[in-house]
PDB file of N, CA and C in Angstrom:
ATOM      1  N   MET A   1      79.053 100.838  79.896  1.00  0.00           N
ATOM      2  CA  MET A   1      78.950  99.818  80.898  1.00  0.00           C
ATOM      3  C   MET A   1      79.825  98.710  80.609  1.00  0.00           C
ATOM      4  N   THR A   2      80.644  98.237  81.626  1.00  0.00           N
ATOM      5  CA  THR A   2      81.380  97.067  81.272  1.00  0.00           C
ATOM      6  C   THR A   2      80.918  95.735  81.526  1.00  0.00           C
ATOM      7  N   ASP A   3      81.192  94.785  80.961  1.00  0.00           N
ATOM      8  CA  ASP A   3      80.817  93.389  81.051  1.00  0.00           C
ATOM      9  C   ASP A   3      81.341  92.808  82.573  1.00  0.00           C
ATOM     10  N   PRO A   4      80.480  92.463  83.518  1.00  0.00           N
ATOM     11  CA  PRO A   4      81.264  91.982  84.905  1.00  0.00           C
ATOM     12  C   PRO A   4      81.953  90.669  84.559  1.00  0.00           C
ATOM     13  N   ASP A   5      81.533  89.828  83.484  1.00  0.00           N
ATOM     14  CA  ASP A   5      82.165  88.521  83.330  1.00  0.00           C
ATOM     15  C   ASP A   5      83.390  88.794  82.474  1.00  0.00           C
ATOM     16  N   ALA A   6      83.720  89.877  81.896  1.00  0.00           N
ATOM     17  CA  ALA A   6      84.901  90.075  81.099  1.00  0.00           C
ATOM     18  C   ALA A   6      86.086  89.783  82.104  1.00  0.00           C
ATOM     19  N   PRO A   7      87.206  89.205  81.484  1.00  0.00           N
ATOM     20  CA  PRO A   7      88.374  89.053  82.211  1.00  0.00           C
ATOM     21  C   PRO A   7      88.999  90.536  82.364  1.00  0.00           C
ATOM     22  N   PRO A   8      89.668  90.679  83.496  1.00  0.00           N
ATOM     23  CA  PRO A   8      90.491  92.013  83.882  1.00  0.00           C
ATOM     24  C   PRO A   8      91.422  92.272  82.656  1.00  0.00           C
ATOM     25  N   PRO A   9      91.814  93.577  82.364  1.00  0.00           N
ATOM     26  CA  PRO A   9      92.648  93.826  81.481  1.00  0.00           C
ATOM     27  C   PRO A   9      94.062  93.440  81.704  1.00  0.00           C
ATOM     28  N   ALA A  10      94.945  92.949  80.891  1.00  0.00           N
ATOM     29  CA  ALA A  10      96.161  92.400  81.023  1.00  0.00           C
ATOM     30  C   ALA A  10      97.154  93.505  81.666  1.00  0.00           C
ATOM     31  N   GLN A  11      98.046  93.203  82.347  1.00  0.00           N
ATOM     32  CA  GLN A  11      98.981  94.177  83.001  1.00  0.00           C
ATOM     33  C   GLN A  11     100.421  93.675  82.715  1.00  0.00           C
ATOM     34  N   PRO A  12     100.822  93.584  81.480  1.00  0.00           N
ATOM     35  CA  PRO A  12     102.114  93.027  81.214  1.00  0.00           C
ATOM     36  C   PRO A  12     103.322  93.579  81.926  1.00  0.00           C
ATOM     37  N   ARG A  13     103.189  94.992  82.297  1.00  0.00           N
ATOM     38  CA  ARG A  13     104.389  95.693  82.877  1.00  0.00           C
ATOM     39  C   ARG A  13     104.206  95.628  84.338  1.00  0.00           C
ATOM     40  N   ASN A  14     103.202  95.085  84.861  1.00  0.00           N
ATOM     41  CA  ASN A  14     103.142  95.083  86.229  1.00  0.00           C
ATOM     42  C   ASN A  14     103.711  93.580  86.881  1.00  0.00           C
ATOM     43  N   PRO A  15     104.906  93.742  87.551  1.00  0.00           N
ATOM     44  CA  PRO A  15     105.623  92.508  87.971  1.00  0.00           C
ATOM     45  C   PRO A  15     104.797  91.927  89.109  1.00  0.00           C
ATOM     46  N   LEU A  16     103.873  92.522  89.599  1.00  0.00           N
ATOM     47  CA  LEU A  16     102.940  91.917  90.795  1.00  0.00           C
ATOM     48  C   LEU A  16     101.788  91.255  90.346  1.00  0.00           C
ATOM     49  N   HIS A  17     101.429  91.600  89.097  1.00  0.00           N
ATOM     50  CA  HIS A  17     100.297  91.006  88.589  1.00  0.00           C
ATOM     51  C   HIS A  17     100.259  89.478  88.466  1.00  0.00           C
ATOM     52  N   GLY A  18      99.089  88.848  88.997  1.00  0.00           N
ATOM     53  CA  GLY A  18      99.104  87.517  89.152  1.00  0.00           C
ATOM     54  C   GLY A  18      99.762  86.875  90.271  1.00  0.00           C
ATOM     55  N   LEU A  19     100.467  87.493  91.057  1.00  0.00           N
ATOM     56  CA  LEU A  19     101.100  87.013  92.385  1.00  0.00           C
ATOM     57  C   LEU A  19     100.304  87.199  93.466  1.00  0.00           C
ATOM     58  N   THR A  20     100.223  86.048  94.242  1.00  0.00           N
ATOM     59  CA  THR A  20      99.571  86.025  95.625  1.00  0.00           C
ATOM     60  C   THR A  20     100.420  86.785  96.573  1.00  0.00           C
ATOM     61  N   LEU A  21      99.926  87.325  97.671  1.00  0.00           N
ATOM     62  CA  LEU A  21     100.597  87.881  98.849  1.00  0.00           C
ATOM     63  C   LEU A  21     101.394  86.661  99.396  1.00  0.00           C
ATOM     64  N   GLU A  22     100.997  85.677  99.420  1.00  0.00           N
ATOM     65  CA  GLU A  22     101.566  84.430 100.003  1.00  0.00           C
ATOM     66  C   GLU A  22     102.791  84.221  99.204  1.00  0.00           C
ATOM     67  N   ALA A  23     102.537  84.190  97.817  1.00  0.00           N
ATOM     68  CA  ALA A  23     103.906  83.981  97.033  1.00  0.00           C
ATOM     69  C   ALA A  23     104.999  85.091  97.347  1.00  0.00           C
ATOM     70  N   ILE A  24     104.627  86.144  97.472  1.00  0.00           N
ATOM     71  CA  ILE A  24     105.553  87.403  97.643  1.00  0.00           C
ATOM     72  C   ILE A  24     106.209  87.045  98.924  1.00  0.00           C
ATOM     73  N   VAL A  25     105.450  86.899 100.073  1.00  0.00           N
ATOM     74  CA  VAL A  25     106.095  86.692 101.422  1.00  0.00           C
ATOM     75  C   VAL A  25     107.081  85.555 101.356  1.00  0.00           C
ATOM     76  N   THR A  26     106.597  84.417 100.820  1.00  0.00           N
ATOM     77  CA  THR A  26     107.501  83.087 100.758  1.00  0.00           C
ATOM     78  C   THR A  26     108.637  83.466  99.924  1.00  0.00           C
ATOM     79  N   ALA A  27     108.663  84.131  98.921  1.00  0.00           N
ATOM     80  CA  ALA A  27     109.997  84.488  98.124  1.00  0.00           C
ATOM     81  C   ALA A  27     110.896  85.411  98.948  1.00  0.00           C
ATOM     82  N   LEU A  28     110.379  86.343  99.676  1.00  0.00           N
ATOM     83  CA  LEU A  28     111.098  87.240 100.545  1.00  0.00           C
ATOM     84  C   LEU A  28     111.909  86.403 101.669  1.00  0.00           C
ATOM     85  N   VAL A  29     111.110  85.541 102.231  1.00  0.00           N
ATOM     86  CA  VAL A  29     111.606  84.709 103.304  1.00  0.00           C
ATOM     87  C   VAL A  29     112.735  83.765 102.675  1.00  0.00           C
ATOM     88  N   ASP A  30     112.422  83.166 101.655  1.00  0.00           N
ATOM     89  CA  ASP A  30     113.447  82.444 101.027  1.00  0.00           C
ATOM     90  C   ASP A  30     114.812  83.110 100.665  1.00  0.00           C
ATOM     91  N   GLU A  31     114.651  84.405 100.187  1.00  0.00           N
ATOM     92  CA  GLU A  31     115.780  85.147  99.903  1.00  0.00           C
ATOM     93  C   GLU A  31     116.678  85.729 101.236  1.00  0.00           C
ATOM     94  N   TYR A  32     115.819  86.228 102.121  1.00  0.00           N
ATOM     95  CA  TYR A  32     116.398  87.010 103.164  1.00  0.00           C
ATOM     96  C   TYR A  32     116.308  86.222 104.466  1.00  0.00           C
ATOM     97  N   GLY A  33     115.411  85.343 104.600  1.00  0.00           N
ATOM     98  CA  GLY A  33     115.079  84.746 105.795  1.00  0.00           C
ATOM     99  C   GLY A  33     114.236  85.589 106.839  1.00  0.00           C
ATOM    100  N   TRP A  34     113.661  85.106 107.904  1.00  0.00           N
ATOM    101  CA  TRP A  34     112.964  85.983 108.789  1.00  0.00           C
ATOM    102  C   TRP A  34     113.602  87.088 109.377  1.00  0.00           C
ATOM    103  N   PRO A  35     114.879  86.758 109.948  1.00  0.00           N
ATOM    104  CA  PRO A  35     115.657  87.807 110.574  1.00  0.00           C
ATOM    105  C   PRO A  35     116.022  89.032 109.567  1.00  0.00           C
ATOM    106  N   GLY A  36     116.295  88.657 108.301  1.00  0.00           N
ATOM    107  CA  GLY A  36     116.564  89.563 107.327  1.00  0.00           C
ATOM    108  C   GLY A  36     115.490  90.329 106.906  1.00  0.00           C
ATOM    109  N   LEU A  37     114.262  89.726 106.788  1.00  0.00           N
ATOM    110  CA  LEU A  37     113.057  90.375 106.517  1.00  0.00           C
ATOM    111  C   LEU A  37     112.770  91.254 107.584  1.00  0.00           C
ATOM    112  N   ASP A  38     112.880  91.052 108.816  1.00  0.00           N
ATOM    113  CA  ASP A  38     112.593  91.856 110.008  1.00  0.00           C
ATOM    114  C   ASP A  38     113.537  92.978 109.918  1.00  0.00           C
ATOM    115  N   GLU A  39     114.653  92.783 109.542  1.00  0.00           N
ATOM    116  CA  GLU A  39     115.972  94.046 109.552  1.00  0.00           C
ATOM    117  C   GLU A  39     115.332  94.916 108.389  1.00  0.00           C
ATOM    118  N   ARG A  40     114.904  94.406 107.378  1.00  0.00           N
ATOM    119  CA  ARG A  40     114.496  95.428 106.177  1.00  0.00           C
ATOM    120  C   ARG A  40     113.096  95.997 106.514  1.00  0.00           C
ATOM    121  N   ILE A  41     112.264  95.315 107.058  1.00  0.00           N
ATOM    122  CA  ILE A  41     110.824  95.858 107.332  1.00  0.00           C
ATOM    123  C   ILE A  41     110.671  95.411 108.714  1.00  0.00           C
ATOM    124  N   PRO A  42     110.928  96.486 109.601  1.00  0.00           N
ATOM    125  CA  PRO A  42     110.598  95.897 111.185  1.00  0.00           C
ATOM    126  C   PRO A  42     109.258  95.831 111.504  1.00  0.00           C
ATOM    127  N   LEU A  43     108.755  94.582 111.477  1.00  0.00           N
ATOM    128  CA  LEU A  43     107.277  94.299 111.903  1.00  0.00           C
ATOM    129  C   LEU A  43     107.368  93.098 112.856  1.00  0.00           C
ATOM    130  N   ARG A  44     106.337  93.256 113.902  1.00  0.00           N
ATOM    131  CA  ARG A  44     106.334  92.155 114.805  1.00  0.00           C
ATOM    132  C   ARG A  44     106.036  90.822 114.192  1.00  0.00           C
ATOM    133  N   CYS A  45     105.418  90.871 113.315  1.00  0.00           N
ATOM    134  CA  CYS A  45     104.958  89.601 112.656  1.00  0.00           C
ATOM    135  C   CYS A  45     106.086  88.897 111.948  1.00  0.00           C
ATOM    136  N   PHE A  46     107.254  89.537 111.590  1.00  0.00           N
ATOM    137  CA  PHE A  46     108.437  89.156 111.252  1.00  0.00           C
ATOM    138  C   PHE A  46     109.462  88.823 112.311  1.00  0.00           C
ATOM    139  N   ALA A  47     109.283  89.313 113.367  1.00  0.00           N
ATOM    140  CA  ALA A  47     110.302  89.190 114.538  1.00  0.00           C
ATOM    141  C   ALA A  47     109.933  88.224 115.578  1.00  0.00           C
ATOM    142  N   PHE A  48     108.834  88.173 115.870  1.00  0.00           N
ATOM    143  CA  PHE A  48     108.357  87.231 117.088  1.00  0.00           C
ATOM    144  C   PHE A  48     107.328  85.973 116.559  1.00  0.00           C
ATOM    145  N   ASP A  49     107.963  84.981 116.530  1.00  0.00           N
ATOM    146  CA  ASP A  49     107.337  83.707 116.295  1.00  0.00           C
ATOM    147  C   ASP A  49     106.728  83.875 114.859  1.00  0.00           C
ATOM    148  N   PRO A  50     107.598  84.177 113.768  1.00  0.00           N
ATOM    149  CA  PRO A  50     107.231  84.415 112.567  1.00  0.00           C
ATOM    150  C   PRO A  50     106.728  83.174 111.799  1.00  0.00           C
ATOM    151  N   SER A  51     105.612  83.365 110.967  1.00  0.00           N
ATOM    152  CA  SER A  51     105.107  82.315 110.003  1.00  0.00           C
ATOM    153  C   SER A  51     104.394  82.992 108.930  1.00  0.00           C
ATOM    154  N   VAL A  52     104.407  82.389 107.851  1.00  0.00           N
ATOM    155  CA  VAL A  52     103.678  82.930 106.672  1.00  0.00           C
ATOM    156  C   VAL A  52     102.180  83.308 106.976  1.00  0.00           C
ATOM    157  N   LYS A  53     101.715  82.399 107.494  1.00  0.00           N
ATOM    158  CA  LYS A  53     100.170  82.535 107.967  1.00  0.00           C
ATOM    159  C   LYS A  53      99.967  83.715 108.807  1.00  0.00           C
ATOM    160  N   SER A  54     100.708  83.912 109.971  1.00  0.00           N
ATOM    161  CA  SER A  54     100.582  85.118 110.778  1.00  0.00           C
ATOM    162  C   SER A  54     100.893  86.466 109.990  1.00  0.00           C
ATOM    163  N   SER A  55     101.948  86.402 109.148  1.00  0.00           N
ATOM    164  CA  SER A  55     102.235  87.527 108.351  1.00  0.00           C
ATOM    165  C   SER A  55     101.251  87.984 107.448  1.00  0.00           C
ATOM    166  N   LEU A  56     100.639  86.925 106.724  1.00  0.00           N
ATOM    167  CA  LEU A  56      99.491  87.265 105.704  1.00  0.00           C
ATOM    168  C   LEU A  56      98.410  87.736 106.552  1.00  0.00           C
ATOM    169  N   LYS A  57      98.021  87.321 107.583  1.00  0.00           N
ATOM    170  CA  LYS A  57      96.805  87.891 108.339  1.00  0.00           C
ATOM    171  C   LYS A  57      97.074  89.314 108.650  1.00  0.00           C
ATOM    172  N   PHE A  58      98.288  89.663 109.111  1.00  0.00           N
ATOM    173  CA  PHE A  58      98.562  91.053 109.465  1.00  0.00           C
ATOM    174  C   PHE A  58      98.640  91.957 108.170  1.00  0.00           C
ATOM    175  N   LEU A  59      99.324  91.420 107.125  1.00  0.00           N
ATOM    176  CA  LEU A  59      99.473  92.350 106.078  1.00  0.00           C
ATOM    177  C   LEU A  59      98.187  92.476 105.267  1.00  0.00           C
ATOM    178  N   ARG A  60      97.260  91.659 105.342  1.00  0.00           N
ATOM    179  CA  ARG A  60      95.929  91.688 104.614  1.00  0.00           C
ATOM    180  C   ARG A  60      95.212  92.790 105.375  1.00  0.00           C
ATOM    181  N   LYS A  61      95.432  93.063 106.606  1.00  0.00           N
ATOM    182  CA  LYS A  61      94.666  94.179 107.355  1.00  0.00           C
ATOM    183  C   LYS A  61      95.303  95.302 107.397  1.00  0.00           C
ATOM    184  N   THR A  62      96.596  95.484 107.023  1.00  0.00           N
ATOM    185  CA  THR A  62      97.296  96.572 107.103  1.00  0.00           C
ATOM    186  C   THR A  62      98.029  97.122 105.748  1.00  0.00           C
ATOM    187  N   PRO A  63      97.203  97.921 104.942  1.00  0.00           N
ATOM    188  CA  PRO A  63      97.628  98.334 103.704  1.00  0.00           C
ATOM    189  C   PRO A  63      99.127  98.904 103.678  1.00  0.00           C
ATOM    190  N   TRP A  64      99.573  99.789 104.656  1.00  0.00           N
ATOM    191  CA  TRP A  64     100.983 100.337 104.508  1.00  0.00           C
ATOM    192  C   TRP A  64     102.028  99.402 104.722  1.00  0.00           C
ATOM    193  N   ALA A  65     101.643  98.398 105.493  1.00  0.00           N
ATOM    194  CA  ALA A  65     102.829  97.229 105.605  1.00  0.00           C
ATOM    195  C   ALA A  65     102.874  96.422 104.350  1.00  0.00           C
ATOM    196  N   ARG A  66     101.639  96.061 103.731  1.00  0.00           N
ATOM    197  CA  ARG A  66     101.729  95.393 102.523  1.00  0.00           C
ATOM    198  C   ARG A  66     102.374  96.156 101.456  1.00  0.00           C
ATOM    199  N   GLU A  67     102.250  97.503 101.353  1.00  0.00           N
ATOM    200  CA  GLU A  67     102.899  98.278 100.481  1.00  0.00           C
ATOM    201  C   GLU A  67     104.692  98.012 100.578  1.00  0.00           C
ATOM    202  N   LYS A  68     104.884  98.105 101.875  1.00  0.00           N
ATOM    203  CA  LYS A  68     106.232  97.952 102.054  1.00  0.00           C
ATOM    204  C   LYS A  68     106.755  96.535 101.544  1.00  0.00           C
ATOM    205  N   VAL A  69     106.146  95.645 101.899  1.00  0.00           N
ATOM    206  CA  VAL A  69     106.500  94.266 101.489  1.00  0.00           C
ATOM    207  C   VAL A  69     106.559  94.175  99.968  1.00  0.00           C
ATOM    208  N   GLU A  70     105.612  94.654  99.290  1.00  0.00           N
ATOM    209  CA  GLU A  70     105.489  94.687  97.920  1.00  0.00           C
ATOM    210  C   GLU A  70     106.648  95.402  97.267  1.00  0.00           C
ATOM    211  N   SER A  71     107.114  96.576  97.884  1.00  0.00           N
ATOM    212  CA  SER A  71     108.215  97.333  97.479  1.00  0.00           C
ATOM    213  C   SER A  71     109.524  96.668  97.686  1.00  0.00           C
ATOM    214  N   LEU A  72     109.666  95.883  98.741  1.00  0.00           N
ATOM    215  CA  LEU A  72     110.799  95.169  98.946  1.00  0.00           C
ATOM    216  C   LEU A  72     110.961  93.967  97.983  1.00  0.00           C
ATOM    217  N   TYR A  73     109.745  93.426  97.596  1.00  0.00           N
ATOM    218  CA  TYR A  73     109.779  92.198  96.654  1.00  0.00           C
ATOM    219  C   TYR A  73     110.248  92.873  95.326  1.00  0.00           C
ATOM    220  N   LEU A  74     109.778  93.832  94.786  1.00  0.00           N
ATOM    221  CA  LEU A  74     110.153  94.598  93.550  1.00  0.00           C
ATOM    222  C   LEU A  74     111.692  94.806  93.739  1.00  0.00           C
ATOM    223  N   PHE A  75     112.259  95.449  94.724  1.00  0.00           N
ATOM    224  CA  PHE A  75     113.374  95.788  94.939  1.00  0.00           C
ATOM    225  C   PHE A  75     114.442  94.436  94.777  1.00  0.00           C
ATOM    226  N   MET A  76     113.787  93.317  95.435  1.00  0.00           N
ATOM    227  CA  MET A  76     114.519  92.061  95.488  1.00  0.00           C
ATOM    228  C   MET A  76     114.612  91.565  93.850  1.00  0.00           C
ATOM    229  N   LEU A  77     113.494  91.585  93.074  1.00  0.00           N
ATOM    230  CA  LEU A  77     113.637  91.369  91.721  1.00  0.00           C
ATOM    231  C   LEU A  77     114.614  92.101  90.864  1.00  0.00           C
ATOM    232  N   ARG A  78     114.728  93.454  91.120  1.00  0.00           N
ATOM    233  CA  ARG A  78     115.673  94.199  90.414  1.00  0.00           C
ATOM    234  C   ARG A  78     116.993  93.726  90.723  1.00  0.00           C
ATOM    235  N   ASP A  79     117.283  93.531  92.045  1.00  0.00           N
ATOM    236  CA  ASP A  79     118.594  93.207  92.569  1.00  0.00           C
ATOM    237  C   ASP A  79     119.023  91.862  91.996  1.00  0.00           C
ATOM    238  N   LEU A  80     118.158  90.948  91.950  1.00  0.00           N
ATOM    239  CA  LEU A  80     118.377  89.514  91.378  1.00  0.00           C
ATOM    240  C   LEU A  80     118.731  89.747  89.934  1.00  0.00           C
ATOM    241  N   LYS A  81     117.991  90.548  89.335  1.00  0.00           N
ATOM    242  CA  LYS A  81     118.303  90.906  87.752  1.00  0.00           C
ATOM    243  C   LYS A  81     119.494  91.383  87.573  1.00  0.00           C
ATOM    244  N   ARG A  82     119.894  92.334  88.403  1.00  0.00           N
ATOM    245  CA  ARG A  82     121.317  93.174  88.227  1.00  0.00           C
ATOM    246  C   ARG A  82     122.211  92.073  88.421  1.00  0.00           C
ATOM    247  N   GLU A  83     122.082  91.293  89.374  1.00  0.00           N
ATOM    248  CA  GLU A  83     123.205  90.045  89.614  1.00  0.00           C
ATOM    249  C   GLU A  83     123.392  89.175  88.563  1.00  0.00           C
ATOM    250  N   GLU A  84     122.263  88.833  87.936  1.00  0.00           N
ATOM    251  CA  GLU A  84     122.205  87.955  86.952  1.00  0.00           C
ATOM    252  C   GLU A  84     122.950  88.649  85.699  1.00  0.00           C
ATOM    253  N   GLN A  85     122.741  89.712  85.456  1.00  0.00           N
ATOM    254  CA  GLN A  85     123.216  90.506  84.294  1.00  0.00           C
ATOM    255  C   GLN A  85     124.765  90.745  84.489  1.00  0.00           C
ATOM    256  N   GLY A  86     125.188  90.756  85.692  1.00  0.00           N
ATOM    257  CA  GLY A  86     126.594  91.093  86.134  1.00  0.00           C
ATOM    258  C   GLY A  86     127.348  89.841  85.798  1.00  0.00           C
ATOM    259  N   ARG A  87     126.709  88.664  85.901  1.00  0.00           N
ATOM    260  CA  ARG A  87     127.495  87.396  85.743  1.00  0.00           C
ATOM    261  C   ARG A  87     127.642  86.968  84.190  1.00  0.00           C
ATOM    262  N   GLU A  88     126.908  87.494  83.450  1.00  0.00           N
ATOM    263  CA  GLU A  88     126.878  87.198  82.111  1.00  0.00           C
ATOM    264  C   GLU A  88     128.244  87.790  81.270  1.00  0.00           C
ATOM    265  N   PRO A  89     128.784  86.994  80.400  1.00  0.00           N
ATOM    266  CA  PRO A  89     129.887  87.478  79.728  1.00  0.00           C
ATOM    267  C   PRO A  89     129.542  88.520  78.566  1.00  0.00           C
ATOM    268  N   ARG A  90     130.329  89.537  78.541  1.00  0.00           N
ATOM    269  CA  ARG A  90     129.896  90.524  77.675  1.00  0.00           C
ATOM    270  C   ARG A  90     130.699  90.517  76.247  1.00  0.00           C
TER     271      ARG A  90
END
C-alpha cells in the first residue's frame, strides 16, 4: 500500500511534468500567435474570439484536443532546441 502523503515519483524525462496547461497554451500563443495556433490545430477556441481562459475551459473538457496541444508544445520545444543547436559554432 502506498502512502497518500508521499510526493509523486519524479519524472525527469517528461518535459510536461510540472507544467500547467495554462503555461503550455501561453507558450504556444507566444510562439505562434492565435492565427498560427489555429492553423496548426484547427479548434474554434483558437479561431473565434480566442483567449487563454476560453481555451483552457475547452481543453480541460476535451482530452483529444488537449493531447494535440501537448504534442504541438513538445514539437515546439524540439524545434526551438534544433534551432538553438544550429546557431552554435562547431
